[in-house]
Each structure stands twice: as structure tokens, then as C-alpha cells.
Amino acid sequence: MKIFETTLFWITIAPSYYGLMYSLSFLVSYLILRKKNFIKEKELETLFLYLFLWVIIGWRLGYVIFYNLPYYTQHLVEIFAFWKWWMSFHWWTIWVIIATLIFSKNHKLIFSKIIDEIIVVIPICLGLWRIGNYINKELLGSEYYWLLCVKLSTKCYFPTPLLEMFFEWVILYFILQYLSTKVRNYWNLSWAFLLFYWLFRFFIEFLRMPDVQIWYIFGLITMWQMLCIPMMIIWIYFWLFYKKYPINNK
């Protein structure tokens, strides 16, 4: 949904609410991480440049490949329409890791410490994105007639993005804050984030209407849930072999 639309010198300017939330998430994350002062400010600026470039590209390609490949093979130019904000969180996760790995290697910093600092602020980003989803009337649940319902045409739908915002932002943020201050020697925050986000989103996904171009896989789960299965397998492996591959965060 557009915030406003205007034409200036034959150029149409039409910022969206989701674009606004995405920009705010980067700005808020940067300000919080700068205040924590875990790396030099110039290094932090470089890190965010890495994240912005790699994540935007990877996030978009994930959606193109997993969610609507037949359409984009027929409309190749549409792949580069980043302003439409259809993207894939799973590929976002992968490219955050890749971008942080490259940054850590180039600046001779410890990857686990950098990624843990980033992970703590991600719930804030998720919450802002869900607000954008709610305003845009997308990722909604089934028909619903009660408080905060989203009206489309003549029907009202369950506000799934707000439920996701509560768990992915509020609950997950406090979980990570607790782990970062109380039991950090026993929990690597990146893996804690992977576990709890997977659990929250996987079960909330049952309330959401599936993507119309895919619908349900095996008549039961959405594509998002399907892609979550490898995430959980990775987490189980980490949990079973954690003592064999310890990560020192001191």
C-alpha cells in the first residue's frame, strides 16, 4: 500500500508502508548496534552496507525461486522489481550469514560474536515488517469478525501479521535478551533465534491463508513451513553436537 503518490519531473514517487518499515528496521538496528559499541563505527557502517546489498539480492531471489518461479521465468524483468517487496525470509537468513561471514573475514573479527550482536536486534526488524504486512493487508488468516480484523472487499480476515508481530518481536526479543545476559555461555544466540522463530512462525502459519500461486503442499503445509523443516534439522544437529563444537562467546 502506498503512503502517497506524486509525480516530479515526469518521475512517479510512491513510497510504500512496507518500504518505510524496512528502512526503519535498518535505521533502528544501526542505532542500537552503534550504541552497543561492539565494533568501531566505521566497521559497523561497512557491515550494514554488506547486509543491505547481500540481503536485498538474496531475499528477492529466494522469493523468485521458491514462491513464484513459473511467473518470473515468463517475466524476467519483474525479478528486479525490488520495490514490490515480495521476498523470502529463509534466503534472508542465509544471506545475513554469508554477508556477516565475508565481513568478519575481511576485518579479521570473530564471526560468532558479530552474528550474535546482529541477532539480538532482528526481532525489532521482524516486528516492523509485520506492521507493514498488516497495513498492506497481506499474509492474512481466515475469515474473522472481531477486534483488529482486516477488511478486504466485503469480508474480514484474521490479523495474522499482528499475532506474528507479538511473538516474533515482543516474545522473541525478551527471550534473546535473557539469553544474552544470563546464559550466554550455554546458548549461542543465533541458534536460539533459529529455534524460537521457527517454532513461533511454524504454528502461526497454520492460521494464515497460503500463497495463492502455490496453495498447500501435500494438502497440509505452506511453502514457508516446508522450508522451515531444514532449519529445524540444522538446529537439532547443533543441539546434539553442541559440546563437540563449542562456541566461545566470552
Protein backbone atom coordinates (compact mmCIF):
# COMPACT_ATOMS: atom_id res chain seq x y z
CA MET A 1 0.00 0.00 0.00
CA LYS A 2 1.33 3.43 -0.96
CA ILE A 3 1.84 6.19 1.61
CA PHE A 4 1.39 8.79 -1.10
CA GLU A 5 1.99 9.18 -4.82
CA THR A 6 3.26 12.21 -6.69
CA THR A 7 4.95 12.96 -9.98
CA LEU A 8 8.04 15.15 -10.09
CA PHE A 9 9.64 15.97 -13.44
CA TRP A 10 7.87 13.01 -15.08
CA ILE A 11 9.12 10.68 -12.35
CA THR A 12 6.49 8.99 -10.18
CA ILE A 13 7.35 8.84 -6.48
CA ALA A 14 5.21 6.38 -4.49
CA PRO A 15 6.81 5.11 -1.26
CA SER A 16 5.09 2.12 0.36
CA TYR A 17 4.42 1.36 4.02
CA TYR A 18 6.40 -1.85 3.77
CA GLY A 19 9.33 0.03 2.27
CA LEU A 20 9.06 2.51 5.14
CA MET A 21 9.12 -0.29 7.71
CA TYR A 22 12.08 -1.94 6.02
CA SER A 23 14.01 1.36 6.09
CA LEU A 24 13.07 1.95 9.72
CA SER A 25 14.27 -1.53 10.65
CA PHE A 26 17.72 -0.83 9.21
CA LEU A 27 17.89 2.58 10.88
CA VAL A 28 16.78 1.35 14.32
CA SER A 29 19.10 -1.65 14.15
CA TYR A 30 22.03 0.55 13.23
CA LEU A 31 21.38 2.98 16.09
CA ILE A 32 21.06 0.17 18.65
CA LEU A 33 24.20 -1.62 17.49
CA ARG A 34 26.16 1.61 17.37
CA LYS A 35 25.22 2.29 20.97
CA LYS A 36 26.45 -1.18 21.99
CA ASN A 37 29.87 -0.23 20.60
CA PHE A 38 30.98 -3.83 19.99
CA ILE A 39 32.94 -2.79 16.86
CA LYS A 40 34.21 0.53 15.54
CA GLU A 41 31.64 2.83 13.98
CA LYS A 42 33.30 2.72 10.56
CA GLU A 43 33.28 -1.09 10.68
CA LEU A 44 29.59 -1.04 11.65
CA GLU A 45 28.79 1.16 8.65
CA THR A 46 30.63 -1.30 6.40
CA LEU A 47 28.77 -4.21 7.98
CA PHE A 48 25.40 -2.60 7.23
CA LEU A 49 26.46 -1.95 3.66
CA TYR A 50 27.30 -5.65 3.32
CA LEU A 51 23.97 -6.64 4.87
CA PHE A 52 21.91 -4.26 2.76
CA LEU A 53 23.39 -5.26 -0.60
CA TRP A 54 23.63 -9.01 0.01
CA VAL A 55 20.33 -9.34 1.83
CA ILE A 56 18.24 -7.39 -0.70
CA ILE A 57 19.54 -9.52 -3.56
CA GLY A 58 19.34 -12.86 -1.73
CA TRP A 59 15.97 -12.10 -0.16
CA ARG A 60 14.42 -11.29 -3.51
CA LEU A 61 15.91 -14.28 -5.33
CA GLY A 62 14.58 -16.60 -2.62
CA TYR A 63 11.04 -15.49 -3.34
CA VAL A 64 11.54 -15.73 -7.10
CA ILE A 65 12.91 -19.29 -6.93
CA PHE A 66 10.73 -20.86 -4.24
CA TYR A 67 7.45 -18.98 -4.43
CA ASN A 68 6.73 -17.92 -8.00
CA LEU A 69 9.37 -19.27 -10.40
CA PRO A 70 6.96 -20.07 -13.31
CA TYR A 71 5.77 -16.44 -13.33
CA TYR A 72 9.26 -14.93 -13.24
CA THR A 73 10.60 -17.19 -15.97
CA GLN A 74 7.97 -15.54 -18.18
CA HIS A 75 8.60 -12.04 -16.80
CA LEU A 76 12.35 -11.79 -16.24
CA VAL A 77 12.37 -8.01 -15.83
CA GLU A 78 10.00 -8.37 -12.86
CA ILE A 79 12.76 -10.15 -10.92
CA PHE A 80 14.41 -6.78 -10.40
CA ALA A 81 11.22 -5.08 -9.16
CA PHE A 82 12.51 -4.91 -5.57
CA TRP A 83 10.03 -2.17 -4.71
CA LYS A 84 7.23 -4.75 -4.75
CA TRP A 85 8.78 -6.28 -1.60
CA TRP A 86 7.91 -9.90 -2.27
CA MET A 87 10.78 -11.72 -0.62
CA SER A 88 11.76 -14.92 1.24
CA PHE A 89 12.81 -14.91 4.89
CA HIS A 90 14.73 -18.20 4.59
CA TRP A 91 17.02 -16.74 1.95
CA TRP A 92 17.23 -13.58 4.02
CA THR A 93 18.65 -15.69 6.86
CA ILE A 94 21.17 -17.40 4.57
CA TRP A 95 22.41 -14.13 3.11
CA VAL A 96 22.71 -12.45 6.51
CA ILE A 97 25.04 -15.29 7.48
CA ILE A 98 27.01 -15.05 4.24
CA ALA A 99 27.33 -11.25 4.45
CA THR A 100 28.48 -11.46 8.08
CA LEU A 101 30.98 -14.20 7.24
CA ILE A 102 32.51 -12.11 4.46
CA PHE A 103 32.61 -9.02 6.67
CA SER A 104 34.17 -10.92 9.61
CA LYS A 105 36.83 -12.47 7.40
CA ASN A 106 37.73 -9.19 5.68
CA HIS A 107 38.00 -7.34 9.00
CA LYS A 108 39.58 -10.22 10.98
CA LEU A 109 36.75 -10.31 13.52
CA ILE A 110 35.09 -13.28 15.27
CA PHE A 111 32.04 -14.32 13.28
CA SER A 112 30.08 -15.79 16.22
CA LYS A 113 30.34 -12.57 18.21
CA ILE A 114 29.27 -10.38 15.29
CA ILE A 115 26.29 -12.55 14.32
CA ASP A 116 25.10 -12.76 17.94
CA GLU A 117 25.03 -8.97 18.20
CA ILE A 118 23.02 -8.77 14.98
CA ILE A 119 20.58 -11.50 16.04
CA VAL A 120 19.52 -9.61 19.18
CA VAL A 121 18.06 -6.72 17.12
CA ILE A 122 16.42 -8.83 14.39
CA PRO A 123 13.14 -9.26 16.35
CA ILE A 124 12.68 -5.49 16.12
CA CYS A 125 13.05 -5.71 12.34
CA LEU A 126 10.56 -8.58 12.19
CA GLY A 127 8.03 -6.61 14.21
CA LEU A 128 8.26 -3.59 11.92
CA TRP A 129 7.91 -5.78 8.83
CA ARG A 130 4.78 -7.39 10.27
CA ILE A 131 3.26 -3.97 10.86
CA GLY A 132 3.93 -3.32 7.17
CA ASN A 133 2.20 -6.60 6.29
CA TYR A 134 -0.82 -5.62 8.38
CA ILE A 135 -1.11 -2.17 6.80
CA ASN A 136 -0.74 -3.72 3.34
CA LYS A 137 -3.47 -6.27 4.16
CA GLU A 138 -1.31 -9.28 3.31
CA LEU A 139 -0.38 -12.64 4.87
CA LEU A 140 -3.82 -12.74 6.48
CA GLY A 141 -5.70 -15.58 8.15
CA SER A 142 -9.15 -17.00 7.50
CA GLU A 143 -12.42 -15.08 7.73
CA TYR A 144 -12.81 -13.39 11.08
CA TYR A 145 -15.21 -10.86 12.61
CA TRP A 146 -13.70 -9.29 15.71
CA LEU A 147 -11.19 -6.78 17.02
CA LEU A 148 -8.44 -5.58 14.60
CA CYS A 149 -9.74 -7.69 11.73
CA VAL A 150 -8.61 -6.70 8.24
CA LYS A 151 -11.37 -5.89 5.79
CA LEU A 152 -10.92 -6.84 2.15
CA SER A 153 -13.86 -6.20 -0.14
CA THR A 154 -16.88 -7.29 1.94
CA LYS A 155 -15.08 -9.81 4.17
CA CYS A 156 -12.96 -9.55 7.31
CA TYR A 157 -9.85 -11.64 7.94
CA PHE A 158 -7.82 -12.64 10.97
CA PRO A 159 -4.88 -10.21 11.51
CA THR A 160 -2.14 -12.86 11.39
CA PRO A 161 0.67 -10.27 10.97
CA LEU A 162 -0.19 -8.75 14.36
CA LEU A 163 -0.03 -12.16 16.04
CA GLU A 164 3.32 -12.78 14.35
CA MET A 165 4.49 -9.34 15.46
CA PHE A 166 3.71 -10.16 19.08
CA PHE A 167 5.64 -13.45 19.08
CA GLU A 168 8.44 -12.54 16.67
CA TRP A 169 9.09 -9.10 18.14
CA VAL A 170 7.97 -8.93 21.78
CA ILE A 171 8.36 -12.53 22.97
CA LEU A 172 11.41 -13.40 20.87
CA TYR A 173 13.14 -10.14 21.78
CA PHE A 174 12.83 -10.81 25.51
CA ILE A 175 13.97 -14.41 25.07
CA LEU A 176 17.12 -13.30 23.26
CA GLN A 177 17.75 -10.51 25.76
CA TYR A 178 17.52 -13.00 28.60
CA LEU A 179 19.85 -15.48 26.92
CA SER A 180 22.34 -12.76 26.03
CA THR A 181 22.69 -11.64 29.65
CA LYS A 182 22.04 -14.77 31.72
CA VAL A 183 23.05 -17.94 29.95
CA ARG A 184 25.17 -16.82 27.01
CA ASN A 185 27.87 -19.41 27.71
CA TYR A 186 25.35 -22.19 27.16
CA TRP A 187 23.24 -20.79 24.32
CA ASN A 188 24.60 -19.37 21.12
CA LEU A 189 22.05 -16.67 20.30
CA SER A 190 21.96 -17.43 16.59
CA TRP A 191 20.76 -20.95 17.23
CA ALA A 192 18.32 -19.82 19.90
CA PHE A 193 16.83 -17.36 17.42
CA LEU A 194 16.55 -20.10 14.79
CA LEU A 195 14.72 -22.42 17.18
CA PHE A 196 12.20 -20.00 18.67
CA TYR A 197 11.46 -18.13 15.47
CA TRP A 198 10.91 -21.44 13.70
CA LEU A 199 8.50 -22.63 16.39
CA PHE A 200 6.52 -19.40 16.57
CA ARG A 201 6.17 -18.88 12.84
CA PHE A 202 5.57 -22.56 12.02
CA PHE A 203 2.46 -22.82 14.22
CA ILE A 204 1.11 -19.36 13.43
CA GLU A 205 1.40 -20.29 9.76
CA PHE A 206 -1.49 -22.76 10.23
CA LEU A 207 -3.75 -19.74 10.80
CA ARG A 208 -2.63 -17.96 7.63
CA MET A 209 -4.09 -18.38 4.19
CA PRO A 210 -1.45 -19.98 1.91
CA ASP A 211 0.11 -18.25 -1.10
CA VAL A 212 -2.47 -18.34 -3.87
CA GLN A 213 0.04 -19.37 -6.55
CA ILE A 214 1.19 -22.40 -4.51
CA TRP A 215 -1.60 -23.14 -2.01
CA TYR A 216 -0.88 -26.09 0.31
CA ILE A 217 1.95 -28.57 -0.23
CA PHE A 218 0.77 -32.15 0.21
CA GLY A 219 -2.57 -30.56 1.05
CA LEU A 220 -1.32 -29.75 4.55
CA ILE A 221 1.52 -27.23 4.91
CA THR A 222 2.57 -23.99 3.25
CA MET A 223 5.81 -23.41 1.35
CA TRP A 224 7.09 -21.40 4.33
CA GLN A 225 6.58 -24.38 6.64
CA MET A 226 8.17 -26.68 4.09
CA LEU A 227 11.30 -24.55 4.04
CA CYS A 228 11.32 -24.49 7.85
CA ILE A 229 11.94 -28.23 8.06
CA PRO A 230 15.64 -27.93 7.08
CA MET A 231 16.00 -25.14 9.64
CA MET A 232 14.78 -27.44 12.39
CA ILE A 233 17.01 -30.30 11.23
CA ILE A 234 20.02 -27.98 11.42
CA TRP A 235 19.02 -26.86 14.90
CA ILE A 236 18.62 -30.47 16.12
CA TYR A 237 22.08 -31.29 14.76
CA PHE A 238 23.53 -28.29 16.57
CA TRP A 239 21.79 -29.26 19.83
CA LEU A 240 23.03 -32.85 19.66
CA PHE A 241 26.63 -31.96 18.81
CA TYR A 242 26.98 -28.65 20.65
CA LYS A 243 29.53 -29.98 23.14
CA LYS A 244 31.63 -31.32 20.30
CA TYR A 245 31.71 -27.94 18.56
CA PRO A 246 31.61 -25.33 21.37
CA ILE A 247 31.46 -21.62 20.56
CA ASN A 248 33.26 -19.32 22.96
CA ASN A 249 31.41 -16.03 23.21
CA LYS A 250 33.43 -14.51 26.05
